[in-house]
Amino acid sequence: MSGEAAARSRRVAVFLDRDGVLNQALVRDGLPHPPDDLASLQVLPGAAEACATLRGAGFLLIVVTNQPDIARGTRTWEDVEALNRRLSELLPLDEIRVCPHDDRDGCDCRKPSPGLLLAAARDRSIDLGRSVMVGDRWRDIESGQRAGCWTVFVDHGYSERRPERPDLTVRSLGEAVPWILATASKERVRA
């Protein structure tokens, strides 16, 4: 099999941040936070339909989420896993990958590092150059860029640093679907 044919046989994924892309983030002091518990978990309008459309088009749907509250001791793994299980029941997701670390831990999985995306690509034979990272924070976009993916920024107007040069800026995952369907099959040319 030629190199080009081998690359084409690899899967294409849409990597999704969790809070603020799939479910409602709780905004405090202008910054997003995860739901406090299962009762406060709300799938964002249009997210289920967007995921179904992308999945139907053959994309792997992989959630990549920073959950530093685990390292900070304000959440447990069990709390995070309960939210992830419920979200997986509501949406057609292939996998949820979690970074439980905080910035001071210096891991390679906490976005903006691309470790979660790179590990998923290795484990699932994903072509990162034809895949997309969708997130609502600069960390998500930078992680996708470092991994060589297309990037979509869901802009909720948080009071924090904005991402540099996302490929597309939208207000919801649903708004991004037509662009993802048209763009993700094209190989991203790395500068």
N, C-alpha and C. Protein backbone atom coordinates (compact mmCIF):
# COMPACT_ATOMS: atom_id res chain seq x y z
N MET A 1 0.85 -1.17 0.00
CA MET A 1 0.00 0.00 0.00
C MET A 1 0.89 1.23 0.00
N SER A 2 0.62 2.17 -0.88
CA SER A 2 1.43 3.38 -0.96
C SER A 2 1.22 4.23 0.29
N GLY A 3 2.12 5.19 0.52
CA GLY A 3 2.00 6.08 1.67
C GLY A 3 0.71 6.87 1.64
N GLU A 4 0.34 7.34 0.44
CA GLU A 4 -0.90 8.11 0.30
C GLU A 4 -2.12 7.23 0.58
N ALA A 5 -2.12 6.00 0.08
CA ALA A 5 -3.24 5.08 0.31
C ALA A 5 -3.33 4.72 1.80
N ALA A 6 -2.17 4.53 2.44
CA ALA A 6 -2.17 4.23 3.88
C ALA A 6 -2.75 5.39 4.67
N ALA A 7 -2.38 6.62 4.30
CA ALA A 7 -2.92 7.80 5.00
C ALA A 7 -4.43 7.89 4.82
N ARG A 8 -4.91 7.59 3.63
CA ARG A 8 -6.35 7.65 3.36
C ARG A 8 -7.13 6.56 4.09
N SER A 9 -6.45 5.46 4.44
CA SER A 9 -7.15 4.38 5.14
C SER A 9 -7.31 4.68 6.62
N ARG A 10 -6.62 5.70 7.11
CA ARG A 10 -6.74 6.06 8.51
C ARG A 10 -8.05 6.79 8.76
N ARG A 11 -8.56 6.70 9.97
CA ARG A 11 -9.84 7.30 10.34
C ARG A 11 -9.70 8.81 10.50
N VAL A 12 -10.83 9.49 10.41
CA VAL A 12 -10.90 10.93 10.63
C VAL A 12 -11.79 11.16 11.85
N ALA A 13 -11.34 12.06 12.73
CA ALA A 13 -12.07 12.30 13.98
C ALA A 13 -12.46 13.76 14.12
N VAL A 14 -13.51 13.96 14.87
CA VAL A 14 -13.82 15.28 15.40
C VAL A 14 -13.58 15.17 16.89
N PHE A 15 -12.56 15.89 17.35
CA PHE A 15 -12.25 15.96 18.77
C PHE A 15 -13.09 17.09 19.35
N LEU A 16 -13.74 16.81 20.46
CA LEU A 16 -14.67 17.75 21.06
C LEU A 16 -14.30 18.03 22.51
N ASP A 17 -14.19 19.31 22.84
CA ASP A 17 -14.11 19.63 24.25
C ASP A 17 -15.49 19.32 24.84
N ARG A 18 -15.55 19.08 26.13
CA ARG A 18 -16.82 18.70 26.75
C ARG A 18 -17.64 19.92 27.18
N ASP A 19 -17.19 20.59 28.24
CA ASP A 19 -17.95 21.68 28.84
C ASP A 19 -17.89 22.93 27.95
N GLY A 20 -19.05 23.37 27.49
CA GLY A 20 -19.12 24.54 26.62
C GLY A 20 -19.25 24.20 25.15
N VAL A 21 -19.01 22.95 24.78
CA VAL A 21 -19.19 22.50 23.39
C VAL A 21 -20.35 21.52 23.33
N LEU A 22 -20.34 20.52 24.21
CA LEU A 22 -21.40 19.52 24.23
C LEU A 22 -22.45 19.81 25.30
N ASN A 23 -21.98 20.23 26.46
CA ASN A 23 -22.90 20.53 27.56
C ASN A 23 -22.68 21.95 28.05
N GLN A 24 -23.69 22.47 28.70
CA GLN A 24 -23.65 23.82 29.23
C GLN A 24 -22.55 23.94 30.27
N ALA A 25 -21.67 24.91 30.10
CA ALA A 25 -20.67 25.21 31.12
C ALA A 25 -21.30 26.19 32.11
N LEU A 26 -20.91 26.07 33.36
CA LEU A 26 -21.36 27.03 34.37
C LEU A 26 -20.35 28.16 34.37
N VAL A 27 -20.80 29.36 34.04
CA VAL A 27 -19.89 30.50 33.93
C VAL A 27 -19.91 31.28 35.24
N ARG A 28 -18.73 31.37 35.84
CA ARG A 28 -18.54 32.13 37.07
C ARG A 28 -17.41 33.11 36.86
N ASP A 29 -17.65 34.37 37.16
CA ASP A 29 -16.64 35.42 36.97
C ASP A 29 -16.09 35.42 35.55
N GLY A 30 -16.96 35.12 34.59
CA GLY A 30 -16.57 35.16 33.18
C GLY A 30 -15.81 33.94 32.68
N LEU A 31 -15.63 32.93 33.55
CA LEU A 31 -14.88 31.73 33.16
C LEU A 31 -15.77 30.49 33.25
N PRO A 32 -15.61 29.54 32.31
CA PRO A 32 -16.44 28.34 32.31
C PRO A 32 -15.97 27.30 33.32
N HIS A 33 -16.95 26.59 33.88
CA HIS A 33 -16.68 25.50 34.82
C HIS A 33 -17.59 24.32 34.46
N PRO A 34 -17.20 23.11 34.85
CA PRO A 34 -18.04 21.95 34.56
C PRO A 34 -19.31 21.97 35.41
N PRO A 35 -20.31 21.19 35.02
CA PRO A 35 -21.51 21.07 35.85
C PRO A 35 -21.13 20.58 37.24
N ASP A 36 -21.89 21.02 38.23
CA ASP A 36 -21.61 20.62 39.61
C ASP A 36 -21.96 19.16 39.88
N ASP A 37 -22.98 18.65 39.17
CA ASP A 37 -23.44 17.28 39.41
C ASP A 37 -24.31 16.84 38.23
N LEU A 38 -24.81 15.62 38.29
CA LEU A 38 -25.63 15.09 37.20
C LEU A 38 -26.89 15.92 36.97
N ALA A 39 -27.47 16.44 38.03
CA ALA A 39 -28.69 17.23 37.90
C ALA A 39 -28.47 18.52 37.11
N SER A 40 -27.25 19.05 37.15
CA SER A 40 -26.97 20.30 36.42
C SER A 40 -26.36 20.07 35.04
N LEU A 41 -26.21 18.82 34.62
CA LEU A 41 -25.70 18.51 33.28
C LEU A 41 -26.79 18.75 32.24
N GLN A 42 -26.55 19.69 31.34
CA GLN A 42 -27.50 20.00 30.29
C GLN A 42 -26.78 19.98 28.94
N VAL A 43 -27.23 19.11 28.04
CA VAL A 43 -26.68 19.09 26.70
C VAL A 43 -27.09 20.39 26.01
N LEU A 44 -26.15 21.02 25.34
CA LEU A 44 -26.43 22.28 24.65
C LEU A 44 -27.41 22.06 23.50
N PRO A 45 -28.25 23.04 23.22
CA PRO A 45 -29.18 22.92 22.09
C PRO A 45 -28.43 22.63 20.79
N GLY A 46 -28.90 21.65 20.06
CA GLY A 46 -28.31 21.29 18.77
C GLY A 46 -27.12 20.36 18.84
N ALA A 47 -26.56 20.14 20.03
CA ALA A 47 -25.36 19.29 20.14
C ALA A 47 -25.66 17.84 19.77
N ALA A 48 -26.79 17.31 20.20
CA ALA A 48 -27.12 15.91 19.88
C ALA A 48 -27.29 15.73 18.37
N GLU A 49 -27.97 16.66 17.73
CA GLU A 49 -28.16 16.58 16.29
C GLU A 49 -26.84 16.72 15.55
N ALA A 50 -25.99 17.63 16.01
CA ALA A 50 -24.68 17.83 15.39
C ALA A 50 -23.84 16.56 15.49
N CYS A 51 -23.83 15.95 16.67
CA CYS A 51 -23.06 14.72 16.87
C CYS A 51 -23.60 13.60 15.98
N ALA A 52 -24.93 13.48 15.90
CA ALA A 52 -25.53 12.43 15.07
C ALA A 52 -25.16 12.63 13.60
N THR A 53 -25.17 13.86 13.14
CA THR A 53 -24.81 14.14 11.74
C THR A 53 -23.35 13.80 11.47
N LEU A 54 -22.47 14.22 12.36
CA LEU A 54 -21.04 13.94 12.18
C LEU A 54 -20.76 12.45 12.26
N ARG A 55 -21.38 11.78 13.20
CA ARG A 55 -21.20 10.32 13.33
C ARG A 55 -21.72 9.61 12.09
N GLY A 56 -22.89 10.07 11.58
CA GLY A 56 -23.47 9.49 10.38
C GLY A 56 -22.59 9.68 9.15
N ALA A 57 -21.78 10.74 9.17
CA ALA A 57 -20.86 11.01 8.06
C ALA A 57 -19.56 10.21 8.20
N GLY A 58 -19.44 9.42 9.26
CA GLY A 58 -18.28 8.54 9.41
C GLY A 58 -17.17 9.04 10.31
N PHE A 59 -17.36 10.17 10.96
CA PHE A 59 -16.33 10.69 11.86
C PHE A 59 -16.36 9.95 13.19
N LEU A 60 -15.18 9.70 13.74
CA LEU A 60 -15.09 9.29 15.14
C LEU A 60 -15.35 10.54 15.98
N LEU A 61 -16.10 10.41 17.06
CA LEU A 61 -16.35 11.53 17.96
C LEU A 61 -15.65 11.24 19.28
N ILE A 62 -14.57 11.99 19.53
CA ILE A 62 -13.75 11.75 20.71
C ILE A 62 -13.70 13.02 21.55
N VAL A 63 -14.19 12.92 22.76
CA VAL A 63 -14.14 14.05 23.69
C VAL A 63 -12.77 14.07 24.34
N VAL A 64 -12.17 15.25 24.38
CA VAL A 64 -10.88 15.46 25.06
C VAL A 64 -11.10 16.62 26.03
N THR A 65 -11.02 16.32 27.32
CA THR A 65 -11.42 17.31 28.31
C THR A 65 -10.41 17.44 29.45
N ASN A 66 -10.08 18.67 29.79
CA ASN A 66 -9.29 18.96 30.98
C ASN A 66 -10.25 18.97 32.16
N GLN A 67 -9.90 18.25 33.20
CA GLN A 67 -10.70 18.26 34.44
C GLN A 67 -9.75 18.46 35.63
N PRO A 68 -9.17 19.67 35.75
CA PRO A 68 -8.18 19.92 36.79
C PRO A 68 -8.75 19.90 38.20
N ASP A 69 -10.07 19.93 38.35
CA ASP A 69 -10.64 19.86 39.69
C ASP A 69 -10.29 18.55 40.38
N ILE A 70 -9.96 17.51 39.60
CA ILE A 70 -9.52 16.24 40.20
C ILE A 70 -8.20 16.48 40.93
N ALA A 71 -7.23 17.11 40.26
CA ALA A 71 -5.93 17.39 40.87
C ALA A 71 -6.07 18.38 42.03
N ARG A 72 -7.02 19.28 41.90
CA ARG A 72 -7.22 20.30 42.94
C ARG A 72 -7.97 19.76 44.15
N GLY A 73 -8.51 18.55 44.04
CA GLY A 73 -9.20 17.93 45.16
C GLY A 73 -10.63 18.39 45.37
N THR A 74 -11.19 19.13 44.39
CA THR A 74 -12.57 19.60 44.54
C THR A 74 -13.56 18.69 43.81
N ARG A 75 -13.06 17.72 43.04
CA ARG A 75 -13.87 16.69 42.38
C ARG A 75 -13.13 15.37 42.47
N THR A 76 -13.89 14.30 42.39
CA THR A 76 -13.27 12.98 42.37
C THR A 76 -13.36 12.42 40.95
N TRP A 77 -12.55 11.38 40.70
CA TRP A 77 -12.64 10.67 39.41
C TRP A 77 -14.06 10.17 39.23
N GLU A 78 -14.65 9.69 40.29
CA GLU A 78 -16.01 9.14 40.22
C GLU A 78 -17.01 10.20 39.79
N ASP A 79 -16.86 11.43 40.31
CA ASP A 79 -17.75 12.54 39.90
C ASP A 79 -17.63 12.79 38.40
N VAL A 80 -16.40 12.88 37.92
CA VAL A 80 -16.16 13.16 36.50
C VAL A 80 -16.66 12.01 35.64
N GLU A 81 -16.38 10.79 36.05
CA GLU A 81 -16.82 9.62 35.29
C GLU A 81 -18.34 9.52 35.23
N ALA A 82 -19.03 9.90 36.30
CA ALA A 82 -20.49 9.87 36.30
C ALA A 82 -21.04 10.84 35.26
N LEU A 83 -20.46 12.04 35.19
CA LEU A 83 -20.88 13.02 34.17
C LEU A 83 -20.57 12.49 32.77
N ASN A 84 -19.40 11.89 32.59
CA ASN A 84 -19.02 11.35 31.29
C ASN A 84 -19.93 10.21 30.85
N ARG A 85 -20.26 9.32 31.78
CA ARG A 85 -21.18 8.22 31.45
C ARG A 85 -22.54 8.75 31.00
N ARG A 86 -23.05 9.73 31.73
CA ARG A 86 -24.36 10.31 31.38
C ARG A 86 -24.29 10.98 30.01
N LEU A 87 -23.24 11.72 29.74
CA LEU A 87 -23.10 12.38 28.45
C LEU A 87 -23.02 11.34 27.33
N SER A 88 -22.33 10.23 27.58
CA SER A 88 -22.23 9.15 26.59
C SER A 88 -23.58 8.47 26.35
N GLU A 89 -24.44 8.48 27.34
CA GLU A 89 -25.80 7.95 27.15
C GLU A 89 -26.65 8.88 26.29
N LEU A 90 -26.36 10.17 26.36
CA LEU A 90 -27.17 11.17 25.65
C LEU A 90 -26.68 11.47 24.24
N LEU A 91 -25.39 11.22 23.99
CA LEU A 91 -24.78 11.58 22.71
C LEU A 91 -24.04 10.38 22.12
N PRO A 92 -23.97 10.30 20.78
CA PRO A 92 -23.28 9.17 20.13
C PRO A 92 -21.76 9.36 20.08
N LEU A 93 -21.12 9.28 21.25
CA LEU A 93 -19.68 9.50 21.36
C LEU A 93 -18.94 8.18 21.27
N ASP A 94 -17.75 8.21 20.70
CA ASP A 94 -16.92 7.00 20.63
C ASP A 94 -16.07 6.82 21.87
N GLU A 95 -15.67 7.94 22.47
CA GLU A 95 -14.75 7.86 23.60
C GLU A 95 -14.67 9.21 24.28
N ILE A 96 -14.38 9.19 25.59
CA ILE A 96 -14.08 10.41 26.33
C ILE A 96 -12.73 10.22 27.00
N ARG A 97 -11.80 11.12 26.68
CA ARG A 97 -10.46 11.08 27.27
C ARG A 97 -10.32 12.28 28.21
N VAL A 98 -9.81 12.01 29.41
CA VAL A 98 -9.75 13.02 30.46
C VAL A 98 -8.32 13.27 30.89
N CYS A 99 -7.96 14.54 31.02
CA CYS A 99 -6.73 14.92 31.70
C CYS A 99 -7.13 15.37 33.10
N PRO A 100 -6.65 14.68 34.15
CA PRO A 100 -7.02 15.03 35.52
C PRO A 100 -6.05 16.00 36.18
N HIS A 101 -5.09 16.52 35.43
CA HIS A 101 -4.00 17.30 35.99
C HIS A 101 -4.29 18.80 36.00
N ASP A 102 -3.47 19.52 36.74
CA ASP A 102 -3.49 20.98 36.75
C ASP A 102 -2.22 21.47 36.05
N ASP A 103 -2.14 22.75 35.75
CA ASP A 103 -0.97 23.28 35.03
C ASP A 103 0.34 22.93 35.72
N ARG A 104 0.38 23.01 37.02
CA ARG A 104 1.64 22.78 37.75
C ARG A 104 2.15 21.35 37.64
N ASP A 105 1.30 20.42 37.20
CA ASP A 105 1.70 19.03 37.08
C ASP A 105 2.63 18.78 35.89
N GLY A 106 2.60 19.67 34.90
CA GLY A 106 3.51 19.55 33.76
C GLY A 106 3.32 18.31 32.91
N CYS A 107 2.10 17.82 32.81
CA CYS A 107 1.84 16.62 32.01
C CYS A 107 1.79 16.95 30.52
N ASP A 108 1.73 15.93 29.68
CA ASP A 108 1.61 16.17 28.25
C ASP A 108 0.17 16.01 27.76
N CYS A 109 -0.76 15.72 28.70
CA CYS A 109 -2.15 15.53 28.28
C CYS A 109 -3.03 16.75 28.54
N ARG A 110 -2.61 17.69 29.37
CA ARG A 110 -3.44 18.86 29.66
C ARG A 110 -3.35 19.84 28.50
N LYS A 111 -4.51 20.11 27.90
CA LYS A 111 -4.53 21.09 26.84
C LYS A 111 -4.07 22.43 27.41
N PRO A 112 -3.18 23.16 26.73
CA PRO A 112 -2.95 23.17 25.30
C PRO A 112 -1.96 22.14 24.76
N SER A 113 -1.39 21.30 25.59
CA SER A 113 -0.56 20.22 25.05
C SER A 113 -1.45 19.30 24.21
N PRO A 114 -0.91 18.69 23.20
CA PRO A 114 -1.72 17.85 22.31
C PRO A 114 -1.78 16.38 22.71
N GLY A 115 -1.33 16.04 23.92
CA GLY A 115 -1.19 14.64 24.30
C GLY A 115 -2.45 13.80 24.18
N LEU A 116 -3.61 14.32 24.56
CA LEU A 116 -4.85 13.54 24.45
C LEU A 116 -5.15 13.21 22.99
N LEU A 117 -4.94 14.17 22.10
CA LEU A 117 -5.21 13.96 20.68
C LEU A 117 -4.20 12.99 20.07
N LEU A 118 -2.94 13.16 20.43
CA LEU A 118 -1.89 12.29 19.88
C LEU A 118 -2.10 10.83 20.33
N ALA A 119 -2.46 10.64 21.59
CA ALA A 119 -2.70 9.29 22.09
C ALA A 119 -3.89 8.65 21.39
N ALA A 120 -4.96 9.42 21.20
CA ALA A 120 -6.13 8.89 20.49
C ALA A 120 -5.77 8.52 19.05
N ALA A 121 -4.95 9.35 18.42
CA ALA A 121 -4.53 9.08 17.04
C ALA A 121 -3.74 7.79 16.95
N ARG A 122 -2.85 7.56 17.90
CA ARG A 122 -2.08 6.32 17.93
C ARG A 122 -2.99 5.12 18.17
N ASP A 123 -3.86 5.24 19.15
CA ASP A 123 -4.71 4.11 19.55
C ASP A 123 -5.76 3.75 18.50
N ARG A 124 -6.21 4.73 17.74
CA ARG A 124 -7.34 4.50 16.82
C ARG A 124 -6.98 4.73 15.35
N SER A 125 -5.71 4.87 15.05
CA SER A 125 -5.25 5.09 13.68
C SER A 125 -5.99 6.27 13.03
N ILE A 126 -5.88 7.43 13.67
CA ILE A 126 -6.55 8.64 13.21
C ILE A 126 -5.58 9.50 12.42
N ASP A 127 -6.05 10.03 11.32
CA ASP A 127 -5.30 10.98 10.51
C ASP A 127 -5.55 12.38 11.08
N LEU A 128 -4.61 12.89 11.85
CA LEU A 128 -4.79 14.19 12.50
C LEU A 128 -4.88 15.34 11.49
N GLY A 129 -4.21 15.22 10.36
CA GLY A 129 -4.23 16.27 9.35
C GLY A 129 -5.57 16.44 8.66
N ARG A 130 -6.46 15.46 8.80
CA ARG A 130 -7.80 15.55 8.23
C ARG A 130 -8.86 15.63 9.32
N SER A 131 -8.44 15.72 10.57
CA SER A 131 -9.36 15.75 11.70
C SER A 131 -9.55 17.18 12.20
N VAL A 132 -10.52 17.35 13.10
CA VAL A 132 -10.91 18.68 13.58
C VAL A 132 -10.96 18.67 15.10
N MET A 133 -10.47 19.75 15.71
CA MET A 133 -10.62 19.97 17.16
C MET A 133 -11.61 21.10 17.34
N VAL A 134 -12.68 20.85 18.13
CA VAL A 134 -13.70 21.86 18.41
C VAL A 134 -13.64 22.18 19.89
N GLY A 135 -13.44 23.45 20.22
CA GLY A 135 -13.38 23.84 21.63
C GLY A 135 -13.84 25.27 21.85
N ASP A 136 -14.09 25.57 23.12
CA ASP A 136 -14.58 26.90 23.49
C ASP A 136 -13.56 27.74 24.25
N ARG A 137 -12.30 27.26 24.28
CA ARG A 137 -11.25 28.00 24.98
C ARG A 137 -9.97 27.98 24.14
N TRP A 138 -9.08 28.93 24.42
CA TRP A 138 -7.83 29.01 23.68
C TRP A 138 -7.03 27.72 23.81
N ARG A 139 -7.09 27.06 24.98
CA ARG A 139 -6.34 25.82 25.21
C ARG A 139 -6.74 24.73 24.21
N ASP A 140 -8.05 24.65 23.92
CA ASP A 140 -8.54 23.65 22.98
C ASP A 140 -7.98 23.90 21.58
N ILE A 141 -8.04 25.15 21.16
CA ILE A 141 -7.60 25.51 19.80
C ILE A 141 -6.10 25.29 19.66
N GLU A 142 -5.33 25.71 20.65
CA GLU A 142 -3.88 25.51 20.58
C GLU A 142 -3.53 24.03 20.59
N SER A 143 -4.24 23.24 21.35
CA SER A 143 -4.00 21.80 21.36
C SER A 143 -4.23 21.20 19.98
N GLY A 144 -5.33 21.57 19.35
CA GLY A 144 -5.62 21.09 18.01
C GLY A 144 -4.57 21.53 17.00
N GLN A 145 -4.15 22.79 17.11
CA GLN A 145 -3.12 23.29 16.20
C GLN A 145 -1.81 22.54 16.39
N ARG A 146 -1.42 22.29 17.63
CA ARG A 146 -0.18 21.56 17.90
C ARG A 146 -0.23 20.13 17.38
N ALA A 147 -1.44 19.56 17.36
CA ALA A 147 -1.60 18.19 16.86
C ALA A 147 -1.70 18.14 15.33
N GLY A 148 -1.84 19.30 14.68
CA GLY A 148 -1.94 19.36 13.23
C GLY A 148 -3.36 19.25 12.70
N CYS A 149 -4.35 19.49 13.56
CA CYS A 149 -5.76 19.40 13.17
C CYS A 149 -6.30 20.74 12.67
N TRP A 150 -7.42 20.66 11.97
CA TRP A 150 -8.24 21.84 11.72
C TRP A 150 -8.81 22.25 13.08
N THR A 151 -9.16 23.54 13.26
CA THR A 151 -9.68 23.97 14.55
C THR A 151 -10.93 24.82 14.39
N VAL A 152 -11.88 24.59 15.31
CA VAL A 152 -13.12 25.36 15.36
C VAL A 152 -13.27 25.90 16.77
N PHE A 153 -13.43 27.22 16.87
CA PHE A 153 -13.60 27.89 18.15
C PHE A 153 -15.07 28.23 18.35
N VAL A 154 -15.66 27.68 19.42
CA VAL A 154 -17.03 28.01 19.80
C VAL A 154 -16.93 29.17 20.78
N ASP A 155 -17.30 30.36 20.33
CA ASP A 155 -17.08 31.59 21.08
C ASP A 155 -18.28 31.91 21.97
N HIS A 156 -18.07 31.76 23.28
CA HIS A 156 -19.09 32.12 24.26
C HIS A 156 -18.77 33.44 24.95
N GLY A 157 -17.72 34.13 24.50
CA GLY A 157 -17.39 35.44 25.06
C GLY A 157 -16.85 35.40 26.48
N TYR A 158 -16.12 34.36 26.83
CA TYR A 158 -15.55 34.27 28.17
C TYR A 158 -14.55 35.40 28.40
N SER A 159 -14.33 35.72 29.66
CA SER A 159 -13.39 36.78 30.06
C SER A 159 -12.00 36.20 30.22
N GLU A 160 -11.42 35.78 29.11
CA GLU A 160 -10.07 35.21 29.13
C GLU A 160 -9.42 35.38 27.77
N ARG A 161 -8.19 34.99 27.70
CA ARG A 161 -7.43 35.04 26.45
C ARG A 161 -8.21 34.35 25.33
N ARG A 162 -8.15 34.93 24.15
CA ARG A 162 -8.80 34.35 22.99
C ARG A 162 -7.79 33.52 22.20
N PRO A 163 -8.27 32.53 21.48
CA PRO A 163 -7.33 31.70 20.70
C PRO A 163 -6.77 32.48 19.51
N GLU A 164 -5.60 32.06 19.09
CA GLU A 164 -4.97 32.67 17.92
C GLU A 164 -5.29 31.86 16.67
N ARG A 165 -5.88 32.49 15.70
CA ARG A 165 -6.12 31.97 14.36
C ARG A 165 -6.82 30.60 14.29
N PRO A 166 -7.98 30.45 14.92
CA PRO A 166 -8.72 29.21 14.66
C PRO A 166 -9.15 29.21 13.19
N ASP A 167 -9.39 28.06 12.63
CA ASP A 167 -9.81 27.99 11.23
C ASP A 167 -11.25 28.47 11.04
N LEU A 168 -12.06 28.35 12.09
CA LEU A 168 -13.45 28.78 12.03
C LEU A 168 -13.88 29.20 13.43
N THR A 169 -14.67 30.26 13.52
CA THR A 169 -15.26 30.70 14.78
C THR A 169 -16.77 30.66 14.63
N VAL A 170 -17.45 30.03 15.59
CA VAL A 170 -18.90 29.85 15.55
C VAL A 170 -19.47 30.09 16.95
N ARG A 171 -20.79 30.01 17.06
CA ARG A 171 -21.45 30.16 18.37
C ARG A 171 -21.93 28.83 18.93
N SER A 172 -21.88 27.77 18.11
CA SER A 172 -22.32 26.46 18.58
C SER A 172 -21.71 25.36 17.71
N LEU A 173 -21.72 24.14 18.23
CA LEU A 173 -21.24 23.00 17.46
C LEU A 173 -22.09 22.83 16.20
N GLY A 174 -23.40 22.96 16.34
CA GLY A 174 -24.29 22.81 15.19
C GLY A 174 -23.95 23.75 14.05
N GLU A 175 -23.56 24.96 14.39
CA GLU A 175 -23.20 25.94 13.37
C GLU A 175 -21.94 25.52 12.61
N ALA A 176 -21.10 24.72 13.23
CA ALA A 176 -19.84 24.29 12.61
C ALA A 176 -19.99 23.08 11.71
N VAL A 177 -21.07 22.33 11.83
CA VAL A 177 -21.20 21.06 11.12
C VAL A 177 -21.02 21.17 9.61
N PRO A 178 -21.69 22.10 8.91
CA PRO A 178 -21.49 22.17 7.45
C PRO A 178 -20.02 22.40 7.06
N TRP A 179 -19.34 23.25 7.80
CA TRP A 179 -17.93 23.52 7.52
C TRP A 179 -17.09 22.28 7.77
N ILE A 180 -17.36 21.58 8.88
CA ILE A 180 -16.61 20.36 9.19
C ILE A 180 -16.81 19.33 8.08
N LEU A 181 -18.04 19.14 7.64
CA LEU A 181 -18.32 18.16 6.59
C LEU A 181 -17.60 18.51 5.29
N ALA A 182 -17.47 19.80 5.00
CA ALA A 182 -16.82 20.23 3.76
C ALA A 182 -15.30 20.26 3.87
N THR A 183 -14.77 20.43 5.06
CA THR A 183 -13.34 20.69 5.23
C THR A 183 -12.54 19.51 5.73
N ALA A 184 -13.09 18.73 6.63
CA ALA A 184 -12.28 17.73 7.34
C ALA A 184 -11.69 16.66 6.45
N SER A 185 -12.27 16.40 5.29
CA SER A 185 -11.69 15.38 4.41
C SER A 185 -10.46 15.90 3.68
N LYS A 186 -10.21 17.20 3.75
CA LYS A 186 -9.04 17.78 3.08
C LYS A 186 -7.85 17.72 4.02
N GLU A 187 -6.72 17.37 3.49
CA GLU A 187 -5.49 17.30 4.30
C GLU A 187 -5.07 18.71 4.69
N ARG A 188 -4.81 18.90 5.96
CA ARG A 188 -4.32 20.19 6.44
C ARG A 188 -2.85 20.32 6.07
N VAL A 189 -2.50 21.39 5.41
CA VAL A 189 -1.12 21.63 5.03
C VAL A 189 -0.42 22.31 6.21
N ARG A 190 0.60 21.66 6.70
CA ARG A 190 1.34 22.22 7.85
C ARG A 190 2.34 23.25 7.37
N ALA A 191 2.35 24.38 8.05
CA ALA A 191 3.24 25.49 7.67
C ALA A 191 4.66 25.21 8.14
